[in-house]
N, C-alpha and C. Protein backbone atom coordinates (compact mmCIF):
# COMPACT_ATOMS: atom_id res chain seq x y z
N MET A 1 -12.37 -33.13 27.07
CA MET A 1 -13.65 -32.54 26.47
C MET A 1 -13.39 -31.13 26.10
N LEU A 2 -13.68 -30.91 24.84
CA LEU A 2 -13.57 -29.56 24.31
C LEU A 2 -14.79 -28.70 24.51
N TYR A 3 -14.55 -27.50 24.72
CA TYR A 3 -15.76 -26.46 25.02
C TYR A 3 -15.65 -25.09 24.38
N GLU A 4 -16.41 -24.37 24.07
CA GLU A 4 -16.11 -23.00 23.58
C GLU A 4 -16.06 -22.13 24.86
N ARG A 5 -15.13 -21.27 24.86
CA ARG A 5 -14.86 -20.38 25.99
C ARG A 5 -15.51 -19.06 25.54
N PRO A 6 -16.27 -18.38 26.54
CA PRO A 6 -16.87 -17.03 26.06
C PRO A 6 -15.90 -15.91 25.70
N VAL A 7 -16.28 -15.38 24.80
CA VAL A 7 -15.53 -14.12 24.30
C VAL A 7 -16.04 -13.07 25.41
N VAL A 8 -15.07 -12.48 26.17
CA VAL A 8 -15.30 -11.57 27.14
C VAL A 8 -14.83 -10.17 26.80
N LYS A 9 -13.94 -10.18 25.67
CA LYS A 9 -13.30 -8.90 25.40
C LYS A 9 -12.76 -8.96 24.03
N ARG A 10 -13.03 -7.90 23.18
CA ARG A 10 -12.56 -7.98 21.87
C ARG A 10 -11.74 -6.66 21.70
N THR A 11 -10.61 -6.69 20.91
CA THR A 11 -9.83 -5.51 20.66
C THR A 11 -9.57 -5.29 19.09
N ALA A 12 -9.29 -4.25 18.73
CA ALA A 12 -8.79 -3.93 17.30
C ALA A 12 -7.53 -3.22 17.42
N ARG A 13 -6.59 -3.69 16.69
CA ARG A 13 -5.21 -3.42 16.57
C ARG A 13 -4.86 -3.24 15.24
N ALA A 14 -3.82 -2.09 15.16
CA ALA A 14 -3.21 -1.76 13.69
C ALA A 14 -1.88 -2.12 13.50
N ILE A 15 -1.51 -2.96 12.45
CA ILE A 15 -0.33 -3.36 12.00
C ILE A 15 -0.09 -2.02 11.04
N LEU A 16 0.39 -1.05 11.55
CA LEU A 16 0.35 0.35 10.95
C LEU A 16 1.81 0.60 10.21
N LEU A 17 1.55 0.57 8.89
CA LEU A 17 2.65 0.85 8.10
C LEU A 17 2.72 2.25 7.39
N ASP A 18 3.80 2.96 7.64
CA ASP A 18 4.05 4.25 7.00
C ASP A 18 4.71 4.00 5.61
N CYS A 19 4.01 4.09 4.65
CA CYS A 19 4.52 3.97 3.01
C CYS A 19 4.55 5.37 2.45
N ARG A 20 4.37 6.40 3.13
CA ARG A 20 4.08 7.77 2.54
C ARG A 20 5.35 8.27 2.03
N GLU A 21 5.39 8.89 0.81
CA GLU A 21 6.50 9.55 0.19
C GLU A 21 6.83 10.74 1.14
N SER A 22 5.69 11.48 1.64
CA SER A 22 6.01 12.71 2.52
C SER A 22 6.90 12.42 3.56
N ALA A 23 6.96 11.33 4.11
CA ALA A 23 7.68 10.79 5.23
C ALA A 23 9.11 10.63 4.86
N GLY A 24 9.49 10.83 3.57
CA GLY A 24 10.89 10.82 3.14
C GLY A 24 11.06 9.69 2.24
N PRO A 25 12.05 9.80 1.46
CA PRO A 25 12.31 8.66 0.43
C PRO A 25 12.65 7.29 1.11
N ARG A 26 12.01 6.33 0.83
CA ARG A 26 12.06 4.94 1.36
C ARG A 26 11.63 3.80 0.58
N THR A 27 12.36 2.80 0.63
CA THR A 27 11.91 1.78 -0.14
C THR A 27 11.14 0.62 0.71
N THR A 28 11.54 0.76 2.05
CA THR A 28 10.93 -0.18 3.12
C THR A 28 9.84 0.62 3.90
N PRO A 29 8.75 0.07 4.25
CA PRO A 29 7.71 0.89 5.07
C PRO A 29 8.34 0.66 6.48
N GLU A 30 7.82 1.67 7.22
CA GLU A 30 8.04 1.58 8.56
C GLU A 30 6.82 1.14 9.44
N LEU A 31 7.24 0.33 10.49
CA LEU A 31 6.14 -0.12 11.40
C LEU A 31 5.91 0.85 12.48
N VAL A 32 4.83 1.52 12.58
CA VAL A 32 4.48 2.41 13.78
C VAL A 32 3.89 1.62 15.08
N LEU A 33 4.76 1.88 16.06
CA LEU A 33 4.56 1.08 17.31
C LEU A 33 4.58 2.03 18.53
N ILE A 34 3.94 1.52 19.61
CA ILE A 34 3.88 2.42 20.77
C ILE A 34 4.74 1.45 21.91
N LYS A 35 5.86 2.15 22.35
CA LYS A 35 6.59 1.60 23.37
C LYS A 35 6.02 1.94 24.82
N ARG A 36 5.81 0.87 25.50
CA ARG A 36 5.18 0.84 26.76
C ARG A 36 6.18 0.88 27.81
N THR A 37 6.20 1.55 28.69
CA THR A 37 7.10 1.43 29.87
C THR A 37 6.38 1.87 31.20
N LYS A 38 6.24 0.70 31.93
CA LYS A 38 5.44 0.53 33.05
C LYS A 38 6.39 0.49 34.22
N PRO A 39 5.98 1.29 35.47
CA PRO A 39 7.04 1.20 36.50
C PRO A 39 7.38 -0.28 36.87
N GLY A 40 8.50 -0.64 37.16
CA GLY A 40 8.89 -1.97 37.61
C GLY A 40 8.84 -2.95 36.60
N ARG A 41 8.82 -2.70 35.30
CA ARG A 41 8.52 -3.72 34.22
C ARG A 41 9.70 -3.38 32.99
N PRO A 42 10.12 -4.30 32.40
CA PRO A 42 10.86 -4.01 31.14
C PRO A 42 9.92 -3.45 29.97
N PRO A 43 10.46 -2.42 29.34
CA PRO A 43 9.69 -2.02 28.25
C PRO A 43 9.19 -3.11 27.12
N TYR A 44 8.17 -2.97 26.58
CA TYR A 44 7.71 -3.82 25.41
C TYR A 44 6.93 -2.79 24.37
N TRP A 45 6.64 -3.49 23.34
CA TRP A 45 6.26 -2.67 22.11
C TRP A 45 4.70 -3.22 21.78
N ILE A 46 3.87 -2.49 21.56
CA ILE A 46 2.55 -2.80 20.92
C ILE A 46 2.08 -2.10 19.82
N THR A 47 1.14 -2.69 19.06
CA THR A 47 0.52 -2.06 17.94
C THR A 47 -0.66 -1.05 18.48
N PRO A 48 -0.70 0.11 17.69
CA PRO A 48 -1.89 0.80 18.22
C PRO A 48 -3.13 0.13 18.31
N GLY A 49 -3.96 0.43 19.21
CA GLY A 49 -5.30 -0.19 19.27
C GLY A 49 -5.75 -0.33 20.66
N GLY A 50 -7.02 -0.87 20.70
CA GLY A 50 -7.50 -1.25 22.06
C GLY A 50 -9.00 -1.86 21.83
N GLY A 51 -9.48 -1.83 23.07
CA GLY A 51 -10.90 -2.47 23.38
C GLY A 51 -12.06 -2.04 22.31
N VAL A 52 -12.68 -2.90 21.91
CA VAL A 52 -14.04 -2.31 21.14
C VAL A 52 -15.15 -2.15 22.35
N GLU A 53 -15.68 -0.87 22.24
CA GLU A 53 -16.51 -0.33 23.17
C GLU A 53 -18.06 -0.42 22.78
N PRO A 54 -18.90 -0.21 23.62
CA PRO A 54 -20.31 -0.29 23.19
C PRO A 54 -20.75 0.50 22.45
N GLY A 55 -20.09 1.77 22.04
CA GLY A 55 -20.58 2.81 21.11
C GLY A 55 -19.93 2.55 19.74
N ASP A 56 -19.11 1.59 19.66
CA ASP A 56 -18.40 1.35 18.38
C ASP A 56 -19.53 0.40 17.50
N ASP A 57 -19.77 0.81 16.32
CA ASP A 57 -20.71 0.06 15.43
C ASP A 57 -19.86 -1.20 14.85
N SER A 58 -18.64 -1.38 14.87
CA SER A 58 -17.98 -2.44 14.34
C SER A 58 -16.55 -2.51 14.89
N VAL A 59 -15.87 -3.48 14.61
CA VAL A 59 -14.48 -3.63 15.07
C VAL A 59 -13.55 -2.68 14.28
N ILE A 60 -13.97 -2.34 13.03
CA ILE A 60 -13.22 -1.37 12.18
C ILE A 60 -13.46 -0.05 12.72
N ASP A 61 -14.64 0.20 13.22
CA ASP A 61 -14.92 1.42 13.72
C ASP A 61 -13.99 1.68 15.10
N ALA A 62 -13.83 0.68 15.83
CA ALA A 62 -13.01 0.75 16.95
C ALA A 62 -11.54 0.97 16.73
N LEU A 63 -11.15 0.45 15.61
CA LEU A 63 -9.86 0.35 15.09
C LEU A 63 -9.49 1.94 14.99
N HIS A 64 -10.29 2.58 14.03
CA HIS A 64 -10.28 4.04 13.63
C HIS A 64 -10.23 4.92 15.04
N ARG A 65 -11.15 4.62 15.94
CA ARG A 65 -11.31 5.42 17.09
C ARG A 65 -9.90 5.39 18.01
N GLU A 66 -9.52 4.00 18.11
CA GLU A 66 -8.25 3.83 18.87
C GLU A 66 -7.15 4.45 18.28
N VAL A 67 -6.98 4.30 16.84
CA VAL A 67 -5.60 4.88 16.33
C VAL A 67 -5.71 6.32 16.61
N ASP A 68 -6.90 7.01 16.42
CA ASP A 68 -7.12 8.49 16.43
C ASP A 68 -6.65 8.86 18.00
N GLU A 69 -7.12 8.07 18.95
CA GLU A 69 -7.04 8.38 20.41
C GLU A 69 -5.32 8.40 20.72
N GLU A 70 -4.87 7.29 20.29
CA GLU A 70 -3.52 6.98 20.80
C GLU A 70 -2.30 7.69 20.01
N LEU A 71 -2.75 8.04 18.72
CA LEU A 71 -1.70 8.68 17.76
C LEU A 71 -2.11 9.84 17.16
N GLY A 72 -3.37 10.23 17.30
CA GLY A 72 -3.90 11.42 16.56
C GLY A 72 -3.62 11.16 15.04
N ALA A 73 -3.88 9.91 14.74
CA ALA A 73 -3.63 9.28 13.26
C ALA A 73 -4.88 8.95 12.50
N LYS A 74 -4.88 9.05 11.20
CA LYS A 74 -5.80 8.40 10.41
C LYS A 74 -5.23 7.29 9.60
N VAL A 75 -5.91 6.29 9.27
CA VAL A 75 -5.46 5.20 8.68
C VAL A 75 -6.30 4.88 7.43
N THR A 76 -5.77 4.18 6.38
CA THR A 76 -6.59 3.84 5.24
C THR A 76 -6.43 2.37 5.04
N ASP A 77 -7.31 1.83 4.09
CA ASP A 77 -7.02 0.43 3.63
C ASP A 77 -6.86 -0.71 4.69
N PRO A 78 -7.74 -0.62 6.02
CA PRO A 78 -7.50 -1.77 6.88
C PRO A 78 -7.88 -2.98 6.32
N VAL A 79 -7.22 -4.10 6.40
CA VAL A 79 -7.41 -5.28 6.02
C VAL A 79 -7.17 -6.33 7.17
N PRO A 80 -8.07 -7.31 7.35
CA PRO A 80 -7.72 -8.23 8.40
C PRO A 80 -6.47 -9.10 8.12
N ALA A 81 -5.68 -9.33 9.13
CA ALA A 81 -4.47 -9.98 8.94
C ALA A 81 -4.23 -11.19 10.07
N PHE A 82 -4.68 -10.94 11.06
CA PHE A 82 -4.24 -11.89 12.20
C PHE A 82 -5.15 -11.64 13.35
N VAL A 83 -5.59 -12.90 13.78
CA VAL A 83 -6.43 -12.94 15.07
C VAL A 83 -5.64 -13.62 16.08
N ASP A 84 -5.64 -13.14 17.47
CA ASP A 84 -5.08 -13.80 18.60
C ASP A 84 -6.19 -14.05 19.68
N THR A 85 -6.14 -15.19 20.11
CA THR A 85 -7.17 -15.31 21.22
C THR A 85 -6.44 -15.89 22.41
N VAL A 86 -6.62 -15.14 23.45
CA VAL A 86 -5.93 -15.53 24.91
C VAL A 86 -6.89 -15.52 25.95
N PRO A 87 -6.54 -16.40 27.02
CA PRO A 87 -7.41 -16.31 28.18
C PRO A 87 -7.37 -14.86 28.87
N HIS A 88 -8.69 -14.49 29.27
CA HIS A 88 -8.86 -13.26 29.84
C HIS A 88 -10.10 -13.37 30.82
N ARG A 89 -9.85 -12.59 31.93
CA ARG A 89 -10.97 -12.48 32.93
C ARG A 89 -11.70 -11.22 32.86
N THR A 90 -12.85 -11.12 33.19
CA THR A 90 -13.67 -9.90 33.04
C THR A 90 -13.27 -9.16 34.51
N ASP A 91 -13.79 -7.97 34.62
CA ASP A 91 -13.52 -7.12 35.72
C ASP A 91 -14.21 -7.90 37.02
N ALA A 92 -15.35 -8.69 36.80
CA ALA A 92 -15.93 -9.42 37.73
C ALA A 92 -15.25 -10.77 38.06
N ASP A 93 -14.04 -11.05 37.34
CA ASP A 93 -13.27 -12.22 37.45
C ASP A 93 -13.90 -13.45 36.96
N GLU A 94 -14.65 -13.24 35.84
CA GLU A 94 -15.22 -14.23 35.19
C GLU A 94 -14.29 -14.67 34.03
N PRO A 95 -13.96 -15.90 33.93
CA PRO A 95 -13.01 -16.52 32.92
C PRO A 95 -13.67 -16.46 31.55
N GLY A 96 -12.93 -16.33 30.62
CA GLY A 96 -13.13 -16.21 29.06
C GLY A 96 -12.04 -15.99 28.24
N VAL A 97 -12.23 -15.48 27.04
CA VAL A 97 -11.08 -15.17 26.22
C VAL A 97 -11.26 -13.62 25.56
N LYS A 98 -9.99 -13.25 25.35
CA LYS A 98 -10.04 -12.05 24.72
C LYS A 98 -9.48 -12.23 23.22
N VAL A 99 -10.38 -11.73 22.26
CA VAL A 99 -10.01 -11.98 20.86
C VAL A 99 -9.40 -10.48 20.37
N GLN A 100 -8.22 -10.75 19.86
CA GLN A 100 -7.48 -9.50 19.31
C GLN A 100 -7.56 -9.59 17.73
N HIS A 101 -8.05 -8.52 17.15
CA HIS A 101 -8.11 -8.42 15.67
C HIS A 101 -7.13 -7.59 15.23
N PHE A 102 -6.31 -8.01 14.45
CA PHE A 102 -5.23 -7.15 13.89
C PHE A 102 -5.46 -6.81 12.42
N PHE A 103 -5.31 -5.70 11.91
CA PHE A 103 -5.62 -5.19 10.59
C PHE A 103 -4.23 -4.45 10.15
N VAL A 104 -3.87 -4.80 8.95
CA VAL A 104 -2.77 -4.01 8.35
C VAL A 104 -3.47 -2.85 7.69
N CYS A 105 -2.76 -1.68 7.94
CA CYS A 105 -3.20 -0.29 7.54
C CYS A 105 -2.11 0.54 6.94
N ARG A 106 -2.61 1.40 6.31
CA ARG A 106 -1.64 2.48 5.73
C ARG A 106 -1.80 3.79 6.72
N LEU A 107 -0.76 4.45 7.15
CA LEU A 107 -0.70 5.45 7.73
C LEU A 107 -1.15 6.72 6.97
N ALA A 108 -2.19 7.41 7.06
CA ALA A 108 -2.59 8.44 6.16
C ALA A 108 -2.19 9.85 6.64
N SER A 109 -2.13 10.01 7.92
CA SER A 109 -1.61 11.16 8.66
C SER A 109 -1.45 10.94 10.08
N MET A 110 -0.73 11.66 10.53
CA MET A 110 -0.42 11.47 12.19
C MET A 110 -0.02 12.83 12.81
N ASP A 111 -0.76 13.27 13.85
CA ASP A 111 -0.43 14.59 14.60
C ASP A 111 -0.52 14.20 15.92
N LEU A 112 0.64 13.81 16.76
CA LEU A 112 0.66 13.43 18.05
C LEU A 112 0.13 14.46 19.10
N SER A 113 0.09 15.81 18.61
CA SER A 113 -0.59 16.79 19.50
C SER A 113 -2.14 16.70 19.54
N ARG A 114 -2.75 15.71 18.65
CA ARG A 114 -4.12 15.49 18.72
C ARG A 114 -4.51 14.28 19.66
N ARG A 115 -3.45 13.64 20.11
CA ARG A 115 -3.70 12.45 20.97
C ARG A 115 -4.58 12.88 22.27
N HIS A 116 -5.56 11.81 22.63
CA HIS A 116 -6.50 12.04 23.54
C HIS A 116 -6.88 10.52 24.03
N GLY A 117 -7.54 10.62 25.17
CA GLY A 117 -8.15 9.35 25.78
C GLY A 117 -7.29 8.99 26.87
N PRO A 118 -7.63 7.83 27.63
CA PRO A 118 -7.12 7.33 28.78
C PRO A 118 -5.58 7.36 28.77
N GLU A 119 -4.93 6.95 27.70
CA GLU A 119 -3.52 6.62 27.83
C GLU A 119 -2.97 7.99 27.87
N VAL A 120 -3.50 9.03 27.39
CA VAL A 120 -3.06 10.38 27.42
C VAL A 120 -3.43 11.10 28.72
N GLU A 121 -4.73 11.08 29.09
CA GLU A 121 -5.21 11.81 30.25
C GLU A 121 -4.91 11.16 31.56
N GLU A 122 -4.84 9.69 31.70
CA GLU A 122 -4.38 9.13 32.95
C GLU A 122 -3.53 7.93 32.60
N PRO A 123 -2.26 8.34 32.20
CA PRO A 123 -1.26 7.20 31.64
C PRO A 123 -0.83 6.47 32.81
N CYS A 124 -0.59 5.10 32.57
CA CYS A 124 -0.01 4.39 33.41
C CYS A 124 1.41 4.02 33.08
N GLY A 125 2.57 4.65 33.29
CA GLY A 125 3.74 4.63 32.77
C GLY A 125 3.97 5.44 31.44
N GLU A 126 4.71 5.29 30.70
CA GLU A 126 5.01 6.10 29.40
C GLU A 126 4.58 5.35 28.12
N TYR A 127 3.96 6.16 27.25
CA TYR A 127 3.64 5.76 25.81
C TYR A 127 4.50 6.56 24.76
N GLU A 128 5.42 5.73 24.01
CA GLU A 128 6.41 6.58 23.25
C GLU A 128 6.04 6.07 21.75
N THR A 129 5.76 6.88 20.87
CA THR A 129 5.53 6.50 19.44
C THR A 129 6.93 6.18 18.91
N VAL A 130 7.12 4.89 18.22
CA VAL A 130 8.38 4.69 17.77
C VAL A 130 8.15 4.15 16.43
N ARG A 131 8.90 3.94 15.57
CA ARG A 131 8.95 3.42 14.26
C ARG A 131 10.14 2.45 13.99
N VAL A 132 9.91 1.43 13.23
CA VAL A 132 11.16 0.50 13.10
C VAL A 132 10.84 0.11 11.62
N PRO A 133 11.98 -0.14 10.95
CA PRO A 133 11.78 -0.60 9.56
C PRO A 133 10.86 -1.85 9.54
N PHE A 134 9.97 -2.19 8.66
CA PHE A 134 9.17 -3.26 8.31
C PHE A 134 10.03 -4.39 7.89
N THR A 135 10.88 -4.92 8.53
CA THR A 135 11.91 -5.94 7.94
C THR A 135 12.02 -6.95 9.05
N ARG A 136 12.49 -7.94 8.98
CA ARG A 136 12.71 -9.11 9.85
C ARG A 136 13.73 -8.59 10.89
N GLN A 137 14.55 -7.76 10.51
CA GLN A 137 15.65 -7.16 11.47
C GLN A 137 14.96 -6.08 12.32
N GLY A 138 14.06 -5.28 11.61
CA GLY A 138 13.26 -4.34 12.54
C GLY A 138 12.38 -4.74 13.60
N ILE A 139 11.70 -5.81 13.05
CA ILE A 139 10.69 -6.54 14.09
C ILE A 139 11.63 -7.29 15.20
N ALA A 140 12.57 -7.98 14.80
CA ALA A 140 13.60 -8.47 15.87
C ALA A 140 14.22 -7.27 16.82
N SER A 141 14.24 -6.30 16.55
CA SER A 141 14.94 -5.24 17.24
C SER A 141 14.04 -4.84 18.45
N VAL A 142 12.86 -5.10 18.47
CA VAL A 142 12.01 -4.80 19.53
C VAL A 142 11.20 -5.79 20.08
N GLU A 143 10.74 -5.68 21.38
CA GLU A 143 10.05 -6.80 22.09
C GLU A 143 8.39 -6.78 21.82
N ILE A 144 8.03 -6.79 20.46
CA ILE A 144 6.46 -6.64 20.09
C ILE A 144 5.74 -7.84 20.90
N VAL A 145 4.65 -7.33 21.54
CA VAL A 145 3.71 -8.28 22.14
C VAL A 145 2.38 -8.23 21.45
N PRO A 146 1.62 -9.11 21.35
CA PRO A 146 1.78 -10.53 21.82
C PRO A 146 2.98 -11.20 21.07
N PRO A 147 3.61 -12.24 21.66
CA PRO A 147 4.49 -12.90 21.11
C PRO A 147 4.22 -13.66 19.60
N ARG A 148 2.88 -14.14 19.73
CA ARG A 148 2.39 -14.72 18.45
C ARG A 148 2.26 -13.67 17.45
N LEU A 149 2.11 -12.45 17.51
CA LEU A 149 1.86 -11.38 16.62
C LEU A 149 3.50 -11.38 16.07
N ARG A 150 4.43 -11.21 16.99
CA ARG A 150 5.86 -10.98 16.50
C ARG A 150 6.26 -12.16 15.55
N ALA A 151 5.91 -13.33 15.90
CA ALA A 151 6.28 -14.72 15.21
C ALA A 151 5.48 -14.63 13.82
N TYR A 152 4.20 -14.15 13.74
CA TYR A 152 3.46 -14.09 12.56
C TYR A 152 4.12 -13.10 11.48
N LEU A 153 4.39 -11.82 12.31
CA LEU A 153 5.00 -10.77 11.38
C LEU A 153 6.49 -11.38 10.75
N ASP A 154 7.25 -12.00 11.61
CA ASP A 154 8.38 -12.44 11.16
C ASP A 154 8.44 -13.41 9.84
N VAL A 155 7.57 -14.28 9.95
CA VAL A 155 7.40 -15.28 8.84
C VAL A 155 6.54 -14.86 7.62
N ASN A 156 5.72 -13.65 7.78
CA ASN A 156 4.82 -13.19 6.88
C ASN A 156 5.06 -11.74 6.39
N ILE A 157 6.45 -11.30 6.59
CA ILE A 157 6.54 -9.94 5.93
C ILE A 157 6.24 -9.76 4.62
N GLU A 158 6.46 -10.47 3.68
CA GLU A 158 6.03 -10.42 2.30
C GLU A 158 4.56 -10.42 2.30
N GLY A 159 3.90 -11.28 2.82
CA GLY A 159 2.54 -11.44 2.86
C GLY A 159 1.78 -10.22 3.43
N VAL A 160 2.18 -9.67 4.44
CA VAL A 160 1.65 -8.49 5.00
C VAL A 160 1.68 -7.42 4.12
N ARG A 161 2.89 -7.14 3.48
CA ARG A 161 3.09 -6.00 2.61
C ARG A 161 2.10 -6.27 1.38
N ALA A 162 1.89 -7.46 0.97
CA ALA A 162 1.06 -7.66 -0.13
C ALA A 162 -0.41 -7.45 0.28
N LEU A 163 -0.73 -7.51 1.38
CA LEU A 163 -2.14 -7.08 1.79
C LEU A 163 -2.53 -5.54 1.65
N LEU A 164 -1.55 -4.91 1.19
CA LEU A 164 -1.67 -3.47 0.97
C LEU A 164 -1.51 -3.26 -0.57
N ALA A 165 -1.32 -4.25 -1.43
CA ALA A 165 -0.90 -3.99 -2.80
C ALA A 165 -2.17 -3.32 -3.42
N PRO A 166 -1.92 -2.67 -4.35
CA PRO A 166 -3.11 -1.94 -5.14
C PRO A 166 -3.97 -2.81 -5.81
N ASP A 167 -3.38 -4.00 -6.18
CA ASP A 167 -4.36 -4.96 -7.01
C ASP A 167 -5.14 -5.91 -6.13
N LEU A 168 -5.16 -5.78 -4.81
CA LEU A 168 -5.66 -6.76 -3.95
C LEU A 168 -7.39 -6.58 -4.30
N GLY A 169 -7.76 -5.59 -4.59
CA GLY A 169 -9.29 -5.55 -4.75
C GLY A 169 -9.95 -4.55 -4.37
């Protein structure tokens, strides 16, 4: 029997590409990630972003707020790219799903001294900003989570880059 599971959490995450000339001459964009190191666990790499909060007018607003909090960054041209749905339980232990919205974005600016929010004020482990070449080798060099995002990026490098093409619309 098929049934719909209730959505109990939504997140907005940035597949954040730095294509800026000011960052140095490059033909390959860099993917900006956060390396998470928690006590007693191996490190893993996540895209910047987090939960949609009641004060957010939209998922895109949550994306901008989260990127500002975690990186002190501004992004442009967010384009929906990937959605991942995973089982999730509420704080009251109610079952449902978490829907993670991933947007391809251009990095417009970043000032890590402007970081704020729970990850900075009450960290659980370490949050390190890292960059990897946005290539199959770059993606394979780190343990990006969720695994379905890593697999999506691996087979869609060209398509993800094309989402930021100037002629898209």
